[in-house]
Amino acid sequence: MIFTRSTGYALLALAELATIKDAIDTTHLSKRIGVSKYFLAKLLQNLSKKGIVKSFKGVNGGFILDKEPQDIKVIEIFKCVEDKDFLVYECAQNELDCPNNRASVCSIWPFLHLLEDNILTYLEKFTLEDVIRMRSC
């Protein structure tokens, strides 16, 4: 699987935050998008550490986007949530880095490498704004 539910929920939460001008707490946001508030809080804290959302404490606390939707790449969200760089299969990026020293005879490395590169290139083109725009089609 390329994206886990965590990435899907993060995209959903960020798309919702893009429609809200003021900070919203996890209780209200979780009800709006139908995700566990505890799970959502963990995702948003991680996104806050990476500068994608901004968190506010206190009575009027909550979360808002820290960047404009057009400035948040989908690949950035994925890497933040999943905490990994690979999307398809954990494999060496080049033949010299193969942990088994078998890249030259590996029958799937060329395919996986090409697939990974194409997916990364594709996802680097899309922003949160693109995701939101597709939602309204």
C-alpha atoms as a PDB file:
ATOM      1  CA  MET A   1       0.000   0.000   0.000  1.00  0.00           C
ATOM      2  CA  ILE A   2       1.372   3.412  -0.907  1.00  0.00           C
ATOM      3  CA  PHE A   3      -0.653   5.508   1.537  1.00  0.00           C
ATOM      4  CA  THR A   4      -1.833   4.253   4.899  1.00  0.00           C
ATOM      5  CA  ARG A   5      -4.990   5.451   6.601  1.00  0.00           C
ATOM      6  CA  SER A   6      -2.829   7.893   8.534  1.00  0.00           C
ATOM      7  CA  THR A   7      -1.918   9.751   5.353  1.00  0.00           C
ATOM      8  CA  GLY A   8      -5.524   9.655   4.170  1.00  0.00           C
ATOM      9  CA  TYR A   9      -6.764  11.070   7.465  1.00  0.00           C
ATOM     10  CA  ALA A  10      -4.042  13.726   7.427  1.00  0.00           C
ATOM     11  CA  LEU A  11      -5.112  14.812   3.937  1.00  0.00           C
ATOM     12  CA  LEU A  12      -8.737  14.858   5.054  1.00  0.00           C
ATOM     13  CA  ALA A  13      -7.937  16.944   8.143  1.00  0.00           C
ATOM     14  CA  LEU A  14      -5.739  19.375   6.218  1.00  0.00           C
ATOM     15  CA  ALA A  15      -8.381  19.808   3.514  1.00  0.00           C
ATOM     16  CA  GLU A  16     -10.906  20.613   6.230  1.00  0.00           C
ATOM     17  CA  LEU A  17      -8.509  23.034   7.970  1.00  0.00           C
ATOM     18  CA  ALA A  18      -8.106  24.843   4.654  1.00  0.00           C
ATOM     19  CA  THR A  19     -11.820  25.743   4.791  1.00  0.00           C
ATOM     20  CA  ILE A  20     -11.611  27.175   8.327  1.00  0.00           C
ATOM     21  CA  LYS A  21     -10.199  30.611   9.122  1.00  0.00           C
ATOM     22  CA  ASP A  22      -9.882  30.245  12.902  1.00  0.00           C
ATOM     23  CA  ALA A  23      -8.174  27.553  14.938  1.00  0.00           C
ATOM     24  CA  ILE A  24     -10.293  24.470  15.576  1.00  0.00           C
ATOM     25  CA  ASP A  25      -9.743  21.948  18.349  1.00  0.00           C
ATOM     26  CA  THR A  26      -9.356  18.239  17.742  1.00  0.00           C
ATOM     27  CA  THR A  27     -12.742  17.415  19.266  1.00  0.00           C
ATOM     28  CA  HIS A  28     -14.638  19.530  16.741  1.00  0.00           C
ATOM     29  CA  LEU A  29     -12.384  18.674  13.812  1.00  0.00           C
ATOM     30  CA  SER A  30     -12.623  14.948  14.525  1.00  0.00           C
ATOM     31  CA  LYS A  31     -16.438  15.176  14.480  1.00  0.00           C
ATOM     32  CA  ARG A  32     -16.377  17.086  11.184  1.00  0.00           C
ATOM     33  CA  ILE A  33     -14.247  14.482   9.414  1.00  0.00           C
ATOM     34  CA  GLY A  34     -15.266  11.324  11.307  1.00  0.00           C
ATOM     35  CA  VAL A  35     -11.866  10.379  12.739  1.00  0.00           C
ATOM     36  CA  SER A  36     -10.953   9.451  16.315  1.00  0.00           C
ATOM     37  CA  LYS A  37      -9.965  12.607  18.183  1.00  0.00           C
ATOM     38  CA  TYR A  38      -6.975  10.887  19.812  1.00  0.00           C
ATOM     39  CA  PHE A  39      -5.671   9.585  16.512  1.00  0.00           C
ATOM     40  CA  LEU A  40      -6.257  12.977  14.910  1.00  0.00           C
ATOM     41  CA  ALA A  41      -4.472  14.779  17.757  1.00  0.00           C
ATOM     42  CA  LYS A  42      -1.403  12.604  17.237  1.00  0.00           C
ATOM     43  CA  LEU A  43      -1.410  13.289  13.479  1.00  0.00           C
ATOM     44  CA  LEU A  44      -1.829  17.036  13.974  1.00  0.00           C
ATOM     45  CA  GLN A  45       0.956  17.192  16.558  1.00  0.00           C
ATOM     46  CA  ASN A  46       3.292  15.528  14.080  1.00  0.00           C
ATOM     47  CA  LEU A  47       2.191  17.895  11.296  1.00  0.00           C
ATOM     48  CA  SER A  48       2.764  20.800  13.679  1.00  0.00           C
ATOM     49  CA  LYS A  49       6.341  19.716  14.365  1.00  0.00           C
ATOM     50  CA  LYS A  50       6.988  19.733  10.611  1.00  0.00           C
ATOM     51  CA  GLY A  51       5.504  23.219  10.096  1.00  0.00           C
ATOM     52  CA  ILE A  52       2.447  22.153   8.122  1.00  0.00           C
ATOM     53  CA  VAL A  53      -0.043  23.206  10.797  1.00  0.00           C
ATOM     54  CA  LYS A  54       0.238  25.614  13.689  1.00  0.00           C
ATOM     55  CA  SER A  55      -1.090  24.715  17.130  1.00  0.00           C
ATOM     56  CA  PHE A  56      -2.500  27.038  19.764  1.00  0.00           C
ATOM     57  CA  LYS A  57      -3.017  26.164  23.416  1.00  0.00           C
ATOM     58  CA  GLY A  58      -5.698  27.389  25.739  1.00  0.00           C
ATOM     59  CA  VAL A  59      -9.443  27.971  25.665  1.00  0.00           C
ATOM     60  CA  ASN A  60      -9.447  29.169  22.059  1.00  0.00           C
ATOM     61  CA  GLY A  61      -6.697  26.731  21.078  1.00  0.00           C
ATOM     62  CA  GLY A  62      -6.604  24.315  18.244  1.00  0.00           C
ATOM     63  CA  PHE A  63      -4.984  23.981  14.865  1.00  0.00           C
ATOM     64  CA  ILE A  64      -4.774  26.000  11.659  1.00  0.00           C
ATOM     65  CA  LEU A  65      -2.734  25.565   8.500  1.00  0.00           C
ATOM     66  CA  ASP A  66       0.718  27.097   8.823  1.00  0.00           C
ATOM     67  CA  LYS A  67       1.064  27.399   5.035  1.00  0.00           C
ATOM     68  CA  GLU A  68      -1.269  28.148   2.180  1.00  0.00           C
ATOM     69  CA  PRO A  69      -2.791  25.014   0.592  1.00  0.00           C
ATOM     70  CA  GLN A  70      -0.947  25.678  -2.669  1.00  0.00           C
ATOM     71  CA  ASP A  71       2.353  25.594  -0.751  1.00  0.00           C
ATOM     72  CA  ILE A  72       1.805  22.179   0.856  1.00  0.00           C
ATOM     73  CA  LYS A  73       2.911  19.308  -1.378  1.00  0.00           C
ATOM     74  CA  VAL A  74       1.171  15.949  -1.019  1.00  0.00           C
ATOM     75  CA  ILE A  75       4.579  14.252  -0.886  1.00  0.00           C
ATOM     76  CA  GLU A  76       5.503  16.495   2.081  1.00  0.00           C
ATOM     77  CA  ILE A  77       2.400  15.339   3.950  1.00  0.00           C
ATOM     78  CA  PHE A  78       3.151  11.697   3.150  1.00  0.00           C
ATOM     79  CA  LYS A  79       6.759  11.894   4.328  1.00  0.00           C
ATOM     80  CA  CYS A  80       5.728  13.694   7.510  1.00  0.00           C
ATOM     81  CA  VAL A  81       2.979  11.240   8.432  1.00  0.00           C
ATOM     82  CA  GLU A  82       4.607   8.016   7.311  1.00  0.00           C
ATOM     83  CA  ASP A  83       8.102   9.050   8.452  1.00  0.00           C
ATOM     84  CA  LYS A  84       9.749   7.348   5.504  1.00  0.00           C
ATOM     85  CA  ASP A  85      10.996   8.276   2.059  1.00  0.00           C
ATOM     86  CA  PHE A  86       9.973   5.205   0.095  1.00  0.00           C
ATOM     87  CA  LEU A  87       6.461   4.709  -1.188  1.00  0.00           C
ATOM     88  CA  VAL A  88       6.271   1.321  -2.820  1.00  0.00           C
ATOM     89  CA  TYR A  89       8.949  -1.015  -1.547  1.00  0.00           C
ATOM     90  CA  GLU A  90      11.947  -0.518   0.688  1.00  0.00           C
ATOM     91  CA  CYS A  91      14.716  -1.027  -1.804  1.00  0.00           C
ATOM     92  CA  ALA A  92      18.066   0.617  -2.504  1.00  0.00           C
ATOM     93  CA  GLN A  93      17.878   3.809  -4.539  1.00  0.00           C
ATOM     94  CA  ASN A  94      20.847   2.751  -6.647  1.00  0.00           C
ATOM     95  CA  GLU A  95      22.594  -0.509  -7.401  1.00  0.00           C
ATOM     96  CA  LEU A  96      25.663   0.307  -5.287  1.00  0.00           C
ATOM     97  CA  ASP A  97      23.513   0.654  -2.131  1.00  0.00           C
ATOM     98  CA  CYS A  98      21.896  -2.774  -2.364  1.00  0.00           C
ATOM     99  CA  PRO A  99      22.245  -4.322   1.116  1.00  0.00           C
ATOM    100  CA  ASN A 100      22.581  -7.796  -0.443  1.00  0.00           C
ATOM    101  CA  ASN A 101      25.027  -6.694  -3.150  1.00  0.00           C
ATOM    102  CA  ARG A 102      22.721  -8.334  -5.675  1.00  0.00           C
ATOM    103  CA  ALA A 103      21.206  -5.368  -7.510  1.00  0.00           C
ATOM    104  CA  SER A 104      22.901  -6.305 -10.774  1.00  0.00           C
ATOM    105  CA  VAL A 105      21.101  -9.666 -10.792  1.00  0.00           C
ATOM    106  CA  CYS A 106      17.867  -8.605  -9.070  1.00  0.00           C
ATOM    107  CA  SER A 107      14.994  -9.142 -11.445  1.00  0.00           C
ATOM    108  CA  ILE A 108      12.643  -6.640  -9.777  1.00  0.00           C
ATOM    109  CA  TRP A 109      14.985  -3.744  -8.830  1.00  0.00           C
ATOM    110  CA  PRO A 110      14.727  -1.958 -12.207  1.00  0.00           C
ATOM    111  CA  PHE A 111      10.926  -2.129 -12.138  1.00  0.00           C
ATOM    112  CA  LEU A 112      10.603  -1.018  -8.494  1.00  0.00           C
ATOM    113  CA  HIS A 113      13.074   1.800  -8.990  1.00  0.00           C
ATOM    114  CA  LEU A 114      11.203   3.107 -12.054  1.00  0.00           C
ATOM    115  CA  LEU A 115       7.835   2.772 -10.304  1.00  0.00           C
ATOM    116  CA  GLU A 116       9.103   4.611  -7.224  1.00  0.00           C
ATOM    117  CA  ASP A 117      10.572   7.441  -9.316  1.00  0.00           C
ATOM    118  CA  ASN A 118       7.361   7.857 -11.310  1.00  0.00           C
ATOM    119  CA  ILE A 119       5.170   7.945  -8.213  1.00  0.00           C
ATOM    120  CA  LEU A 120       7.454  10.441  -6.457  1.00  0.00           C
ATOM    121  CA  THR A 121       7.513  12.683  -9.523  1.00  0.00           C
ATOM    122  CA  TYR A 122       3.726  12.500  -9.763  1.00  0.00           C
ATOM    123  CA  LEU A 123       3.130  13.268  -6.075  1.00  0.00           C
ATOM    124  CA  GLU A 124       5.592  16.171  -6.054  1.00  0.00           C
ATOM    125  CA  LYS A 125       3.322  17.916  -8.579  1.00  0.00           C
ATOM    126  CA  PHE A 126       0.229  17.820  -6.357  1.00  0.00           C
ATOM    127  CA  THR A 127      -0.543  20.213  -3.540  1.00  0.00           C
ATOM    128  CA  LEU A 128      -3.208  20.300  -0.872  1.00  0.00           C
ATOM    129  CA  GLU A 129      -4.995  22.865  -3.026  1.00  0.00           C
ATOM    130  CA  ASP A 130      -5.158  20.320  -5.862  1.00  0.00           C
ATOM    131  CA  VAL A 131      -6.654  17.742  -3.498  1.00  0.00           C
ATOM    132  CA  ILE A 132      -9.283  20.233  -2.340  1.00  0.00           C
ATOM    133  CA  ARG A 133     -10.113  21.257  -5.913  1.00  0.00           C
ATOM    134  CA  MET A 134     -10.597  17.597  -6.909  1.00  0.00           C
ATOM    135  CA  ARG A 135     -12.965  17.098  -3.970  1.00  0.00           C
ATOM    136  CA  SER A 136     -15.347  19.704  -5.349  1.00  0.00           C
ATOM    137  CA  CYS A 137     -15.539  18.195  -8.861  1.00  0.00           C
END
